[in-house]
């Protein structure tokens, strides 16, 4: 458990550094009118990678044949895959270009979360940006909650296999990918708020429908469940892409890193 927690901590630290760098690089590489579409493509690609991992995890965890002594084959495959993908990521970083900092004179935020809280309060001067940051935090709060509940719901309450439960997460992710692509063509940076209400309504309706499948006959339960998660995921992707795009372009160049750090802080507070 010590090593598992250490690995998870390092993965979280990596995300805290990588997320703002990734989001900050997109406006540096693409003009404003293309950012929503680029974000939609990026979300679709990353979500597809996540759902492939989730689907494969559920399948290989059911492989219990022992290898390397008593270790199940599924665990060995997962460990090897994690190491291989990590090495591929390390190699990929060697091709990244260096950029000059937009505000090199800003002091390092040694107080960490205290600085982030101050910057959240300061966002009151820009109500639209504050709305976008809170919308982003709400989305990741809901996403984390749903991912936690899916496993318990599928395995413990509905009595589904690990494989089928993993495929429920895949259905959710497929919906996110589809919604992200549609959102990139429906709502641009100028009219980003158009996606908020339909996205929220769709997420609520899809998740409510998924909960109600527990009362359906077993013969139709699984198809209805998958359709519900696809609807919820589609609405989530539709909701988050315009929000992310607006956050990337709204701040001044000298404030962009600070704002993206605040976004990450609020999102992970929501996840926690």
C-alpha atoms as a PDB file:
ATOM      1  CA  UNK A   1       0.000   0.000   0.000  1.00  0.00           C
ATOM      2  CA  UNK A   2       2.873   2.372   0.687  1.00  0.00           C
ATOM      3  CA  UNK A   3       4.130   2.023  -2.892  1.00  0.00           C
ATOM      4  CA  UNK A   4       0.635   2.236  -4.357  1.00  0.00           C
ATOM      5  CA  UNK A   5      -0.015   5.498  -2.477  1.00  0.00           C
ATOM      6  CA  UNK A   6       3.408   6.831  -3.487  1.00  0.00           C
ATOM      7  CA  UNK A   7       2.664   6.105  -7.139  1.00  0.00           C
ATOM      8  CA  UNK A   8      -0.764   7.764  -6.926  1.00  0.00           C
ATOM      9  CA  UNK A   9       0.751  10.822  -5.240  1.00  0.00           C
ATOM     10  CA  UNK A  10       3.349  11.165  -7.998  1.00  0.00           C
ATOM     11  CA  UNK A  11       0.648  10.762 -10.665  1.00  0.00           C
ATOM     12  CA  UNK A  12      -1.345  13.541  -9.012  1.00  0.00           C
ATOM     13  CA  UNK A  13       1.749  15.757  -8.840  1.00  0.00           C
ATOM     14  CA  UNK A  14       2.367  15.078 -12.520  1.00  0.00           C
ATOM     15  CA  UNK A  15      -1.210  16.076 -13.386  1.00  0.00           C
ATOM     16  CA  UNK A  16      -0.909  19.294 -11.384  1.00  0.00           C
ATOM     17  CA  UNK A  17       2.099  20.294 -13.502  1.00  0.00           C
ATOM     18  CA  UNK A  18       1.005  18.830 -16.821  1.00  0.00           C
ATOM     19  CA  UNK A  19      -2.563  20.156 -16.910  1.00  0.00           C
ATOM     20  CA  UNK A  20      -1.778  23.901 -16.891  1.00  0.00           C
ATOM     21  CA  UNK A  21       1.134  23.360 -19.295  1.00  0.00           C
ATOM     22  CA  UNK A  22      -1.101  21.533 -21.772  1.00  0.00           C
ATOM     23  CA  UNK A  23      -3.990  24.003 -21.554  1.00  0.00           C
ATOM     24  CA  UNK A  24      -1.634  26.971 -21.758  1.00  0.00           C
ATOM     25  CA  UNK A  25       0.103  25.629 -24.849  1.00  0.00           C
ATOM     26  CA  UNK A  26      -3.035  25.387 -26.982  1.00  0.00           C
ATOM     27  CA  UNK A  27      -3.586  29.183 -27.375  1.00  0.00           C
ATOM     28  CA  UNK A  28       0.148  29.495 -28.154  1.00  0.00           C
ATOM     29  CA  UNK A  29      -0.140  27.127 -31.115  1.00  0.00           C
ATOM     30  CA  UNK A  30      -3.582  27.877 -32.594  1.00  0.00           C
ATOM     31  CA  UNK A  31      -5.650  30.991 -33.448  1.00  0.00           C
ATOM     32  CA  UNK A  32      -8.709  31.798 -31.333  1.00  0.00           C
ATOM     33  CA  UNK A  33     -11.301  30.625 -33.873  1.00  0.00           C
ATOM     34  CA  UNK A  34      -9.786  27.107 -33.907  1.00  0.00           C
ATOM     35  CA  UNK A  35      -9.336  26.597 -30.171  1.00  0.00           C
ATOM     36  CA  UNK A  36     -12.785  25.097 -29.480  1.00  0.00           C
ATOM     37  CA  UNK A  37     -12.343  22.572 -32.302  1.00  0.00           C
ATOM     38  CA  UNK A  38      -8.802  21.701 -31.154  1.00  0.00           C
ATOM     39  CA  UNK A  39     -10.076  21.155 -27.605  1.00  0.00           C
ATOM     40  CA  UNK A  40     -12.849  18.924 -28.908  1.00  0.00           C
ATOM     41  CA  UNK A  41     -10.326  16.801 -30.814  1.00  0.00           C
ATOM     42  CA  UNK A  42      -7.969  16.708 -27.830  1.00  0.00           C
ATOM     43  CA  UNK A  43     -10.749  15.674 -25.437  1.00  0.00           C
ATOM     44  CA  UNK A  44     -11.924  12.997 -27.851  1.00  0.00           C
ATOM     45  CA  UNK A  45      -8.404  11.573 -28.230  1.00  0.00           C
ATOM     46  CA  UNK A  46      -7.576  11.585 -24.518  1.00  0.00           C
ATOM     47  CA  UNK A  47     -10.992  10.176 -23.613  1.00  0.00           C
ATOM     48  CA  UNK A  48     -10.592   7.357 -26.119  1.00  0.00           C
ATOM     49  CA  UNK A  49      -7.248   6.495 -24.524  1.00  0.00           C
ATOM     50  CA  UNK A  50      -8.842   6.509 -21.053  1.00  0.00           C
ATOM     51  CA  UNK A  51     -11.758   4.313 -22.080  1.00  0.00           C
ATOM     52  CA  UNK A  52      -9.426   1.805 -23.775  1.00  0.00           C
ATOM     53  CA  UNK A  53      -7.509   1.598 -20.494  1.00  0.00           C
ATOM     54  CA  UNK A  54     -10.681   1.199 -18.426  1.00  0.00           C
ATOM     55  CA  UNK A  55     -12.093  -1.467 -20.754  1.00  0.00           C
ATOM     56  CA  UNK A  56      -8.831  -3.423 -20.804  1.00  0.00           C
ATOM     57  CA  UNK A  57      -8.450  -3.166 -17.014  1.00  0.00           C
ATOM     58  CA  UNK A  58     -11.803  -4.779 -16.382  1.00  0.00           C
ATOM     59  CA  UNK A  59     -11.050  -7.583 -18.842  1.00  0.00           C
ATOM     60  CA  UNK A  60      -7.525  -8.403 -17.645  1.00  0.00           C
ATOM     61  CA  UNK A  61      -8.487  -8.289 -13.961  1.00  0.00           C
ATOM     62  CA  UNK A  62     -10.630 -11.337 -14.680  1.00  0.00           C
ATOM     63  CA  UNK A  63      -7.452 -13.200 -15.796  1.00  0.00           C
ATOM     64  CA  UNK A  64      -6.446 -14.999 -12.609  1.00  0.00           C
ATOM     65  CA  UNK A  65      -3.886 -17.519 -13.933  1.00  0.00           C
ATOM     66  CA  UNK A  66      -0.723 -17.187 -11.745  1.00  0.00           C
ATOM     67  CA  UNK A  67       2.551 -15.863 -13.196  1.00  0.00           C
ATOM     68  CA  UNK A  68       5.787 -14.814 -11.466  1.00  0.00           C
ATOM     69  CA  UNK A  69       4.942 -16.997  -8.508  1.00  0.00           C
ATOM     70  CA  UNK A  70       1.519 -16.049  -7.132  1.00  0.00           C
ATOM     71  CA  UNK A  71       0.868 -12.799  -9.051  1.00  0.00           C
ATOM     72  CA  UNK A  72      -2.285 -13.092 -11.235  1.00  0.00           C
ATOM     73  CA  UNK A  73      -1.731 -12.631 -14.968  1.00  0.00           C
ATOM     74  CA  UNK A  74      -4.072  -9.604 -15.031  1.00  0.00           C
ATOM     75  CA  UNK A  75      -2.039  -7.699 -12.432  1.00  0.00           C
ATOM     76  CA  UNK A  76       1.212  -8.484 -14.275  1.00  0.00           C
ATOM     77  CA  UNK A  77      -0.231  -7.167 -17.555  1.00  0.00           C
ATOM     78  CA  UNK A  78      -1.430  -3.963 -15.866  1.00  0.00           C
ATOM     79  CA  UNK A  79       1.954  -3.356 -14.210  1.00  0.00           C
ATOM     80  CA  UNK A  80       3.816  -3.909 -17.482  1.00  0.00           C
ATOM     81  CA  UNK A  81       1.455  -1.622 -19.400  1.00  0.00           C
ATOM     82  CA  UNK A  82       1.809   1.206 -16.849  1.00  0.00           C
ATOM     83  CA  UNK A  83       5.612   1.051 -17.075  1.00  0.00           C
ATOM     84  CA  UNK A  84       5.596   0.882 -20.897  1.00  0.00           C
ATOM     85  CA  UNK A  85       3.242   3.866 -21.286  1.00  0.00           C
ATOM     86  CA  UNK A  86       5.277   5.870 -18.754  1.00  0.00           C
ATOM     87  CA  UNK A  87       8.466   5.257 -20.749  1.00  0.00           C
ATOM     88  CA  UNK A  88       6.694   6.280 -23.978  1.00  0.00           C
ATOM     89  CA  UNK A  89       5.592   9.526 -22.298  1.00  0.00           C
ATOM     90  CA  UNK A  90       9.149  10.214 -21.134  1.00  0.00           C
ATOM     91  CA  UNK A  91      10.493   9.738 -24.661  1.00  0.00           C
ATOM     92  CA  UNK A  92       7.752  12.013 -26.072  1.00  0.00           C
ATOM     93  CA  UNK A  93       8.809  14.879 -23.781  1.00  0.00           C
ATOM     94  CA  UNK A  94      12.233  15.027 -25.449  1.00  0.00           C
ATOM     95  CA  UNK A  95      10.666  16.707 -28.494  1.00  0.00           C
ATOM     96  CA  UNK A  96       8.988  19.588 -26.642  1.00  0.00           C
ATOM     97  CA  UNK A  97      10.190  23.082 -27.556  1.00  0.00           C
ATOM     98  CA  UNK A  98      11.115  25.574 -24.859  1.00  0.00           C
ATOM     99  CA  UNK A  99       9.085  28.786 -24.573  1.00  0.00           C
ATOM    100  CA  UNK A 100       9.908  32.066 -22.878  1.00  0.00           C
ATOM    101  CA  UNK A 101       7.817  32.716 -19.773  1.00  0.00           C
ATOM    102  CA  UNK A 102       5.174  35.427 -20.321  1.00  0.00           C
ATOM    103  CA  UNK A 103       5.716  36.932 -16.844  1.00  0.00           C
ATOM    104  CA  UNK A 104       9.176  35.865 -15.606  1.00  0.00           C
ATOM    105  CA  UNK A 105       9.210  38.557 -12.898  1.00  0.00           C
ATOM    106  CA  UNK A 106       6.245  37.129 -10.974  1.00  0.00           C
ATOM    107  CA  UNK A 107       7.307  35.661  -7.609  1.00  0.00           C
ATOM    108  CA  UNK A 108       7.001  31.942  -7.016  1.00  0.00           C
ATOM    109  CA  UNK A 109       3.747  31.158  -5.112  1.00  0.00           C
ATOM    110  CA  UNK A 110       5.330  29.517  -2.071  1.00  0.00           C
ATOM    111  CA  UNK A 111       2.055  29.641  -0.127  1.00  0.00           C
ATOM    112  CA  UNK A 112       0.413  27.356  -2.711  1.00  0.00           C
ATOM    113  CA  UNK A 113      -3.291  26.925  -1.875  1.00  0.00           C
ATOM    114  CA  UNK A 114      -3.408  30.295  -0.075  1.00  0.00           C
ATOM    115  CA  UNK A 115      -2.425  32.011  -3.335  1.00  0.00           C
ATOM    116  CA  UNK A 116      -5.022  29.977  -5.212  1.00  0.00           C
ATOM    117  CA  UNK A 117      -7.786  31.010  -2.815  1.00  0.00           C
ATOM    118  CA  UNK A 118      -6.798  34.667  -3.204  1.00  0.00           C
ATOM    119  CA  UNK A 119      -6.875  34.338  -6.975  1.00  0.00           C
ATOM    120  CA  UNK A 120     -10.306  32.670  -6.876  1.00  0.00           C
ATOM    121  CA  UNK A 121     -11.623  35.653  -4.881  1.00  0.00           C
ATOM    122  CA  UNK A 122      -9.946  38.023  -7.347  1.00  0.00           C
ATOM    123  CA  UNK A 123     -11.884  36.422 -10.216  1.00  0.00           C
ATOM    124  CA  UNK A 124     -14.979  38.272  -8.990  1.00  0.00           C
ATOM    125  CA  UNK A 125     -13.744  41.146 -11.163  1.00  0.00           C
ATOM    126  CA  UNK A 126     -14.448  38.960 -14.218  1.00  0.00           C
ATOM    127  CA  UNK A 127     -17.838  37.263 -13.624  1.00  0.00           C
ATOM    128  CA  UNK A 128     -17.730  35.287 -16.876  1.00  0.00           C
ATOM    129  CA  UNK A 129     -14.324  33.817 -16.078  1.00  0.00           C
ATOM    130  CA  UNK A 130     -15.469  33.012 -12.535  1.00  0.00           C
ATOM    131  CA  UNK A 131     -18.544  31.244 -13.972  1.00  0.00           C
ATOM    132  CA  UNK A 132     -16.304  29.217 -16.289  1.00  0.00           C
ATOM    133  CA  UNK A 133     -13.962  28.215 -13.446  1.00  0.00           C
ATOM    134  CA  UNK A 134     -16.861  27.141 -11.227  1.00  0.00           C
ATOM    135  CA  UNK A 135     -18.460  25.250 -14.128  1.00  0.00           C
ATOM    136  CA  UNK A 136     -15.184  23.400 -14.710  1.00  0.00           C
ATOM    137  CA  UNK A 137     -14.931  22.504 -11.004  1.00  0.00           C
ATOM    138  CA  UNK A 138     -18.533  21.269 -10.955  1.00  0.00           C
ATOM    139  CA  UNK A 139     -17.938  19.077 -14.011  1.00  0.00           C
ATOM    140  CA  UNK A 140     -14.930  17.330 -12.463  1.00  0.00           C
ATOM    141  CA  UNK A 141     -16.729  16.974  -9.124  1.00  0.00           C
ATOM    142  CA  UNK A 142     -19.566  15.191 -10.911  1.00  0.00           C
ATOM    143  CA  UNK A 143     -17.234  13.118 -13.105  1.00  0.00           C
ATOM    144  CA  UNK A 144     -15.245  11.877 -10.091  1.00  0.00           C
ATOM    145  CA  UNK A 145     -18.450  11.017  -8.240  1.00  0.00           C
ATOM    146  CA  UNK A 146     -19.869   9.070 -11.193  1.00  0.00           C
ATOM    147  CA  UNK A 147     -16.658   7.088 -11.761  1.00  0.00           C
ATOM    148  CA  UNK A 148     -16.612   6.077  -8.081  1.00  0.00           C
ATOM    149  CA  UNK A 149     -20.265   5.069  -8.109  1.00  0.00           C
ATOM    150  CA  UNK A 150     -20.201   3.073 -11.365  1.00  0.00           C
ATOM    151  CA  UNK A 151     -18.088   0.254  -9.916  1.00  0.00           C
ATOM    152  CA  UNK A 152     -20.227  -0.126  -6.791  1.00  0.00           C
ATOM    153  CA  UNK A 153     -23.433   0.192  -8.781  1.00  0.00           C
ATOM    154  CA  UNK A 154     -22.467  -2.352 -11.420  1.00  0.00           C
ATOM    155  CA  UNK A 155     -20.690  -4.979  -9.326  1.00  0.00           C
ATOM    156  CA  UNK A 156     -22.393  -4.780  -5.942  1.00  0.00           C
ATOM    157  CA  UNK A 157     -25.926  -3.558  -6.647  1.00  0.00           C
ATOM    158  CA  UNK A 158     -26.644  -4.945 -10.118  1.00  0.00           C
ATOM    159  CA  UNK A 159     -24.387  -8.022  -9.833  1.00  0.00           C
ATOM    160  CA  UNK A 160     -22.578  -7.401 -13.141  1.00  0.00           C
ATOM    161  CA  UNK A 161     -19.107  -8.755 -13.964  1.00  0.00           C
ATOM    162  CA  UNK A 162     -15.995  -6.575 -13.788  1.00  0.00           C
ATOM    163  CA  UNK A 163     -15.815  -6.639 -17.574  1.00  0.00           C
ATOM    164  CA  UNK A 164     -19.383  -5.426 -18.046  1.00  0.00           C
ATOM    165  CA  UNK A 165     -18.938  -2.795 -15.330  1.00  0.00           C
ATOM    166  CA  UNK A 166     -15.821  -1.497 -17.074  1.00  0.00           C
ATOM    167  CA  UNK A 167     -17.786  -1.293 -20.310  1.00  0.00           C
ATOM    168  CA  UNK A 168     -20.295   0.954 -18.523  1.00  0.00           C
ATOM    169  CA  UNK A 169     -17.422   3.413 -17.979  1.00  0.00           C
ATOM    170  CA  UNK A 170     -16.522   2.961 -21.643  1.00  0.00           C
ATOM    171  CA  UNK A 171     -20.082   3.945 -22.619  1.00  0.00           C
ATOM    172  CA  UNK A 172     -19.716   7.092 -20.518  1.00  0.00           C
ATOM    173  CA  UNK A 173     -16.387   7.953 -22.152  1.00  0.00           C
ATOM    174  CA  UNK A 174     -17.697   7.273 -25.660  1.00  0.00           C
ATOM    175  CA  UNK A 175     -20.467   9.747 -24.933  1.00  0.00           C
ATOM    176  CA  UNK A 176     -17.930  12.323 -23.707  1.00  0.00           C
ATOM    177  CA  UNK A 177     -15.945  11.962 -26.936  1.00  0.00           C
ATOM    178  CA  UNK A 178     -19.055  12.397 -29.082  1.00  0.00           C
ATOM    179  CA  UNK A 179     -20.236  15.387 -27.056  1.00  0.00           C
ATOM    180  CA  UNK A 180     -16.825  17.040 -27.262  1.00  0.00           C
ATOM    181  CA  UNK A 181     -16.807  16.837 -31.054  1.00  0.00           C
ATOM    182  CA  UNK A 182     -20.353  18.201 -31.358  1.00  0.00           C
ATOM    183  CA  UNK A 183     -19.644  21.020 -28.882  1.00  0.00           C
ATOM    184  CA  UNK A 184     -16.609  22.125 -30.898  1.00  0.00           C
ATOM    185  CA  UNK A 185     -18.983  22.890 -33.786  1.00  0.00           C
ATOM    186  CA  UNK A 186     -21.935  24.224 -31.806  1.00  0.00           C
ATOM    187  CA  UNK A 187     -20.479  26.705 -29.305  1.00  0.00           C
ATOM    188  CA  UNK A 188     -17.471  28.928 -29.892  1.00  0.00           C
ATOM    189  CA  UNK A 189     -15.583  31.141 -27.464  1.00  0.00           C
ATOM    190  CA  UNK A 190     -17.925  34.075 -28.071  1.00  0.00           C
ATOM    191  CA  UNK A 191     -21.093  32.098 -27.255  1.00  0.00           C
ATOM    192  CA  UNK A 192     -19.648  29.493 -24.896  1.00  0.00           C
ATOM    193  CA  UNK A 193     -22.516  29.797 -22.386  1.00  0.00           C
ATOM    194  CA  UNK A 194     -24.932  28.286 -24.944  1.00  0.00           C
ATOM    195  CA  UNK A 195     -23.687  24.839 -23.932  1.00  0.00           C
ATOM    196  CA  UNK A 196     -24.221  25.167 -20.177  1.00  0.00           C
ATOM    197  CA  UNK A 197     -27.967  24.593 -19.753  1.00  0.00           C
ATOM    198  CA  UNK A 198     -28.408  21.761 -22.280  1.00  0.00           C
ATOM    199  CA  UNK A 199     -25.230  20.133 -20.974  1.00  0.00           C
ATOM    200  CA  UNK A 200     -26.400  20.262 -17.354  1.00  0.00           C
ATOM    201  CA  UNK A 201     -29.886  19.032 -18.237  1.00  0.00           C
ATOM    202  CA  UNK A 202     -28.495  16.156 -20.299  1.00  0.00           C
ATOM    203  CA  UNK A 203     -26.073  15.047 -17.588  1.00  0.00           C
ATOM    204  CA  UNK A 204     -28.858  15.086 -14.991  1.00  0.00           C
ATOM    205  CA  UNK A 205     -31.297  13.213 -17.223  1.00  0.00           C
ATOM    206  CA  UNK A 206     -28.749  10.584 -18.236  1.00  0.00           C
ATOM    207  CA  UNK A 207     -27.619   9.883 -14.669  1.00  0.00           C
ATOM    208  CA  UNK A 208     -31.191   9.794 -13.363  1.00  0.00           C
ATOM    209  CA  UNK A 209     -32.097   7.296 -16.088  1.00  0.00           C
ATOM    210  CA  UNK A 210     -29.053   5.169 -15.185  1.00  0.00           C
ATOM    211  CA  UNK A 211     -30.172   5.101 -11.535  1.00  0.00           C
ATOM    212  CA  UNK A 212     -33.713   4.062 -12.476  1.00  0.00           C
ATOM    213  CA  UNK A 213     -32.481   1.031 -14.465  1.00  0.00           C
ATOM    214  CA  UNK A 214     -32.211  -0.853 -11.152  1.00  0.00           C
ATOM    215  CA  UNK A 215     -36.021  -1.099 -11.260  1.00  0.00           C
ATOM    216  CA  UNK A 216     -36.215  -2.443 -14.832  1.00  0.00           C
ATOM    217  CA  UNK A 217     -36.469  -6.129 -15.838  1.00  0.00           C
ATOM    218  CA  UNK A 218     -33.060  -7.781 -16.263  1.00  0.00           C
ATOM    219  CA  UNK A 219     -33.722  -8.440 -19.958  1.00  0.00           C
ATOM    220  CA  UNK A 220     -33.635  -4.722 -20.816  1.00  0.00           C
ATOM    221  CA  UNK A 221     -31.525  -3.408 -17.937  1.00  0.00           C
ATOM    222  CA  UNK A 222     -28.069  -3.510 -19.536  1.00  0.00           C
ATOM    223  CA  UNK A 223     -28.974  -1.868 -22.912  1.00  0.00           C
ATOM    224  CA  UNK A 224     -30.910   0.865 -21.091  1.00  0.00           C
ATOM    225  CA  UNK A 225     -28.002   1.366 -18.704  1.00  0.00           C
ATOM    226  CA  UNK A 226     -25.501   1.778 -21.528  1.00  0.00           C
ATOM    227  CA  UNK A 227     -27.772   4.227 -23.375  1.00  0.00           C
ATOM    228  CA  UNK A 228     -28.179   6.285 -20.182  1.00  0.00           C
ATOM    229  CA  UNK A 229     -24.422   6.558 -19.642  1.00  0.00           C
ATOM    230  CA  UNK A 230     -23.833   7.497 -23.274  1.00  0.00           C
ATOM    231  CA  UNK A 231     -26.381  10.339 -22.918  1.00  0.00           C
ATOM    232  CA  UNK A 232     -24.790  11.527 -19.666  1.00  0.00           C
ATOM    233  CA  UNK A 233     -21.302  11.373 -21.189  1.00  0.00           C
ATOM    234  CA  UNK A 234     -22.385  13.140 -24.382  1.00  0.00           C
ATOM    235  CA  UNK A 235     -23.869  15.969 -22.339  1.00  0.00           C
ATOM    236  CA  UNK A 236     -20.711  16.179 -20.210  1.00  0.00           C
ATOM    237  CA  UNK A 237     -18.469  16.488 -23.267  1.00  0.00           C
ATOM    238  CA  UNK A 238     -20.849  19.041 -24.746  1.00  0.00           C
ATOM    239  CA  UNK A 239     -20.699  21.014 -21.486  1.00  0.00           C
ATOM    240  CA  UNK A 240     -16.954  21.029 -20.771  1.00  0.00           C
ATOM    241  CA  UNK A 241     -15.349  21.849 -24.151  1.00  0.00           C
ATOM    242  CA  UNK A 242     -16.680  25.443 -24.503  1.00  0.00           C
ATOM    243  CA  UNK A 243     -15.851  26.046 -20.825  1.00  0.00           C
ATOM    244  CA  UNK A 244     -12.260  24.850 -21.260  1.00  0.00           C
ATOM    245  CA  UNK A 245     -11.802  26.876 -24.450  1.00  0.00           C
ATOM    246  CA  UNK A 246     -13.051  30.086 -22.831  1.00  0.00           C
ATOM    247  CA  UNK A 247     -10.724  29.621 -19.853  1.00  0.00           C
ATOM    248  CA  UNK A 248      -7.744  29.186 -22.177  1.00  0.00           C
ATOM    249  CA  UNK A 249      -8.237  32.449 -24.061  1.00  0.00           C
ATOM    250  CA  UNK A 250      -9.901  34.813 -21.565  1.00  0.00           C
ATOM    251  CA  UNK A 251      -6.951  35.695 -19.254  1.00  0.00           C
ATOM    252  CA  UNK A 252      -4.149  38.035 -20.245  1.00  0.00           C
ATOM    253  CA  UNK A 253      -0.930  36.338 -21.317  1.00  0.00           C
ATOM    254  CA  UNK A 254       0.750  37.449 -18.093  1.00  0.00           C
ATOM    255  CA  UNK A 255      -2.086  35.951 -15.998  1.00  0.00           C
ATOM    256  CA  UNK A 256      -2.775  32.780 -17.962  1.00  0.00           C
ATOM    257  CA  UNK A 257      -0.605  30.461 -15.868  1.00  0.00           C
ATOM    258  CA  UNK A 258      -2.064  31.873 -12.662  1.00  0.00           C
ATOM    259  CA  UNK A 259      -5.652  31.386 -13.870  1.00  0.00           C
ATOM    260  CA  UNK A 260      -4.982  27.866 -15.131  1.00  0.00           C
ATOM    261  CA  UNK A 261      -3.489  27.010 -11.748  1.00  0.00           C
ATOM    262  CA  UNK A 262      -6.652  28.314 -10.076  1.00  0.00           C
ATOM    263  CA  UNK A 263      -8.738  26.165 -12.432  1.00  0.00           C
ATOM    264  CA  UNK A 264      -6.736  23.081 -11.471  1.00  0.00           C
ATOM    265  CA  UNK A 265      -7.005  23.945  -7.779  1.00  0.00           C
ATOM    266  CA  UNK A 266     -10.805  24.367  -7.918  1.00  0.00           C
ATOM    267  CA  UNK A 267     -11.297  21.249 -10.031  1.00  0.00           C
ATOM    268  CA  UNK A 268      -9.313  19.056  -7.664  1.00  0.00           C
ATOM    269  CA  UNK A 269     -11.136  20.524  -4.671  1.00  0.00           C
ATOM    270  CA  UNK A 270     -14.307  19.375  -6.429  1.00  0.00           C
ATOM    271  CA  UNK A 271     -12.820  15.920  -7.057  1.00  0.00           C
ATOM    272  CA  UNK A 272     -11.679  15.653  -3.433  1.00  0.00           C
END
